[in-house]
Amino acid sequence: MRFRDIPPFTMAHYKVDVALDEVDQLLESYKQQGLQLEPDFQRGHVWTEEQQMRYVEYLLREGVSGRAIYFNQPGWMKDWHGDFVLVDGLQRLTACVRFLRNEIPAFGSYVCEYEGPPPLGARLEFYVNDLPTRAEVLDWYIQLNAGGVVHSDEEIARVRTLLDQERQSTE
């Protein structure tokens, strides 16, 4: 096997950074292009409300990983045909929209209770691809989601215990 024989990962052709407080408005504008947030290959809403709140809190603290949201629209930036389909990022996007619509709090407060705009670093990265066929979109979805394992509550609790022990030993 040679490294050059490894097929490259499918990459999106366009990227835009979106401030957290602009996410809902941008999605509304995508509705004109046939926005599909839950195509049949999506796994549905699996994050708990607690996970959604923690993700928004992570963004508000200007966390940098896990901000990518992937879309596909055939003909993007050319002839704009076909639906604008969310390929990956439903959980992250849903958490942000729910916060922006005052459905969940972050750090104990709803968005309407905050003053001023969110921190500049509280952003998502919207990637848009222009794959022409459903098969290519499904293959891209698999590439994005077939690896990795989500941490269980028990794994996070174990590390929290280690953190507590560490803090106690340095006091």
Protein backbone atom coordinates (compact mmCIF):
# COMPACT_ATOMS: atom_id res chain seq x y z
CA MET A 1 0.00 0.00 0.00
CA ARG A 2 1.22 3.47 -0.86
CA PHE A 3 0.00 6.64 0.86
CA ARG A 4 -0.79 8.19 -2.50
CA ASP A 5 -3.25 5.34 -3.16
CA ILE A 6 -5.48 6.47 -0.30
CA PRO A 7 -8.51 8.26 -1.78
CA PRO A 8 -8.79 11.84 -0.54
CA PHE A 9 -11.60 12.88 1.75
CA THR A 10 -14.48 14.72 0.08
CA MET A 11 -14.03 18.41 0.79
CA ALA A 12 -16.58 21.19 0.71
CA HIS A 13 -15.96 23.90 -1.88
CA TYR A 14 -17.13 26.91 0.12
CA LYS A 15 -16.79 27.98 3.75
CA VAL A 16 -18.23 30.91 5.66
CA ASP A 17 -17.86 31.79 9.33
CA VAL A 18 -21.22 32.65 10.85
CA ALA A 19 -21.62 34.57 14.11
CA LEU A 20 -23.84 32.73 16.56
CA ASP A 21 -26.46 35.48 16.57
CA GLU A 22 -26.75 35.28 12.75
CA VAL A 23 -27.34 31.53 12.48
CA ASP A 24 -31.15 31.56 12.64
CA GLN A 25 -31.41 34.44 10.15
CA LEU A 26 -29.07 32.70 7.70
CA LEU A 27 -31.07 29.48 7.88
CA GLU A 28 -34.22 31.46 7.09
CA SER A 29 -32.53 32.78 3.94
CA TYR A 30 -31.53 29.23 2.94
CA LYS A 31 -35.19 28.20 3.02
CA GLN A 32 -35.50 29.92 -0.37
CA GLN A 33 -33.06 27.31 -1.72
CA GLY A 34 -35.16 24.41 -0.41
CA LEU A 35 -33.41 24.00 2.94
CA GLN A 36 -33.64 20.43 4.26
CA LEU A 37 -32.45 20.19 7.85
CA GLU A 38 -33.58 16.59 8.31
CA PRO A 39 -33.04 14.60 5.12
CA ASP A 40 -33.80 10.89 5.34
CA PHE A 41 -30.18 9.93 6.03
CA GLN A 42 -29.91 12.10 9.16
CA ARG A 43 -30.15 10.21 12.45
CA GLY A 44 -32.63 12.66 13.92
CA HIS A 45 -32.38 14.61 17.14
CA VAL A 46 -30.31 12.61 19.60
CA TRP A 47 -28.80 15.23 21.91
CA THR A 48 -30.51 15.80 25.22
CA GLU A 49 -31.44 19.31 26.26
CA GLU A 50 -28.50 19.22 28.67
CA GLN A 51 -26.11 18.40 25.81
CA GLN A 52 -27.58 21.23 23.75
CA MET A 53 -27.06 23.72 26.59
CA ARG A 54 -23.47 22.54 27.15
CA TYR A 55 -22.69 22.93 23.46
CA VAL A 56 -24.00 26.52 23.40
CA GLU A 57 -22.00 27.25 26.55
CA TYR A 58 -18.92 25.83 24.82
CA LEU A 59 -19.49 28.19 21.87
CA LEU A 60 -20.07 31.18 24.15
CA ARG A 61 -16.73 30.42 25.78
CA GLU A 62 -15.28 30.64 22.24
CA GLY A 63 -14.45 26.96 21.88
CA VAL A 64 -12.86 26.29 18.51
CA SER A 65 -13.38 22.61 17.68
CA GLY A 66 -16.72 21.11 16.74
CA ARG A 67 -18.09 24.22 15.01
CA ALA A 68 -18.39 22.80 11.49
CA ILE A 69 -21.79 22.42 9.81
CA TYR A 70 -21.86 20.75 6.38
CA PHE A 71 -24.38 21.40 3.61
CA ASN A 72 -24.72 20.30 0.02
CA GLN A 73 -26.42 22.01 -2.87
CA PRO A 74 -25.84 20.87 -6.44
CA GLY A 75 -24.69 23.78 -8.54
CA TRP A 76 -23.76 25.92 -5.53
CA MET A 77 -22.45 29.28 -6.76
CA LYS A 78 -23.21 28.32 -10.37
CA ASP A 79 -26.81 27.66 -11.33
CA TRP A 80 -28.22 26.94 -7.84
CA HIS A 81 -30.37 23.91 -8.60
CA GLY A 82 -31.56 21.31 -6.13
CA ASP A 83 -32.26 21.53 -2.45
CA PHE A 84 -29.89 22.97 0.15
CA VAL A 85 -29.34 19.88 2.33
CA LEU A 86 -27.81 19.63 5.79
CA VAL A 87 -25.35 16.74 5.62
CA ASP A 88 -23.73 16.96 9.04
CA GLY A 89 -24.24 19.15 12.10
CA LEU A 90 -27.93 18.74 12.97
CA GLN A 91 -27.24 18.41 16.70
CA ARG A 92 -24.98 21.49 16.82
CA LEU A 93 -27.28 23.57 14.65
CA THR A 94 -30.39 22.59 16.62
CA ALA A 95 -28.71 23.56 19.90
CA CYS A 96 -27.81 27.00 18.54
CA VAL A 97 -31.24 27.67 17.06
CA ARG A 98 -32.99 26.58 20.25
CA PHE A 99 -30.81 28.98 22.27
CA LEU A 100 -31.41 31.84 19.82
CA ARG A 101 -35.17 31.22 20.03
CA ASN A 102 -35.11 31.32 23.86
CA GLU A 103 -35.97 27.63 24.13
CA ILE A 104 -32.90 26.65 26.19
CA PRO A 105 -30.62 28.65 28.48
CA ALA A 106 -26.83 28.88 28.55
CA PHE A 107 -25.13 29.45 31.88
CA GLY A 108 -28.60 29.66 33.41
CA SER A 109 -29.85 32.52 31.21
CA TYR A 110 -31.86 32.68 28.02
CA VAL A 111 -30.58 34.71 25.08
CA CYS A 112 -33.15 37.45 25.73
CA GLU A 113 -31.62 37.96 29.18
CA TYR A 114 -28.13 38.73 27.84
CA GLU A 115 -26.94 42.22 27.01
CA GLY A 116 -24.99 43.02 23.86
CA PRO A 117 -23.88 40.59 21.16
CA PRO A 118 -22.33 37.18 21.84
CA PRO A 119 -18.51 37.02 21.95
CA LEU A 120 -16.82 37.41 18.55
CA GLY A 121 -15.43 33.89 18.79
CA ALA A 122 -18.89 32.33 19.25
CA ARG A 123 -19.16 31.24 15.63
CA LEU A 124 -20.07 28.30 13.43
CA GLU A 125 -18.35 27.31 10.21
CA PHE A 126 -20.78 26.61 7.38
CA TYR A 127 -19.25 24.46 4.64
CA VAL A 128 -21.13 24.05 1.37
CA ASN A 129 -20.40 21.37 -1.19
CA ASP A 130 -21.88 20.99 -4.66
CA LEU A 131 -22.01 17.23 -5.07
CA PRO A 132 -24.34 16.54 -7.99
CA THR A 133 -25.75 13.13 -6.99
CA ARG A 134 -27.48 11.68 -3.96
CA ALA A 135 -24.99 8.79 -3.95
CA GLU A 136 -22.11 11.25 -3.58
CA VAL A 137 -23.91 13.04 -0.74
CA LEU A 138 -24.59 9.75 1.06
CA ASP A 139 -20.94 8.73 0.62
CA TRP A 140 -19.84 12.10 2.04
CA TYR A 141 -22.18 11.62 5.03
CA ILE A 142 -20.59 8.23 5.72
CA GLN A 143 -17.09 9.72 5.43
CA LEU A 144 -18.02 12.38 7.97
CA ASN A 145 -19.75 10.07 10.45
CA ALA A 146 -18.31 6.56 10.29
CA GLY A 147 -15.37 7.25 12.60
CA GLY A 148 -15.07 8.31 16.19
CA VAL A 149 -16.97 7.33 19.28
CA VAL A 150 -18.99 9.68 21.45
CA HIS A 151 -17.87 9.82 25.10
CA SER A 152 -20.30 8.15 27.45
CA ASP A 153 -21.60 9.90 30.56
CA GLU A 154 -19.53 7.44 32.60
CA GLU A 155 -16.32 8.41 30.75
CA ILE A 156 -16.93 12.12 31.34
CA ALA A 157 -17.81 11.46 35.00
CA ARG A 158 -14.54 9.54 35.43
CA VAL A 159 -12.52 12.48 34.11
CA ARG A 160 -14.52 14.92 36.27
CA THR A 161 -13.58 12.80 39.29
CA LEU A 162 -9.93 12.98 38.27
CA LEU A 163 -10.26 16.76 37.91
CA ASP A 164 -11.82 17.06 41.36
CA GLN A 165 -9.03 14.95 42.84
CA GLU A 166 -6.42 17.06 41.07
CA ARG A 167 -7.92 20.29 42.35
CA GLN A 168 -8.08 18.93 45.90
CA SER A 169 -4.45 17.82 45.81
CA THR A 170 -3.25 21.28 44.76
CA GLU A 171 -5.23 23.21 47.39
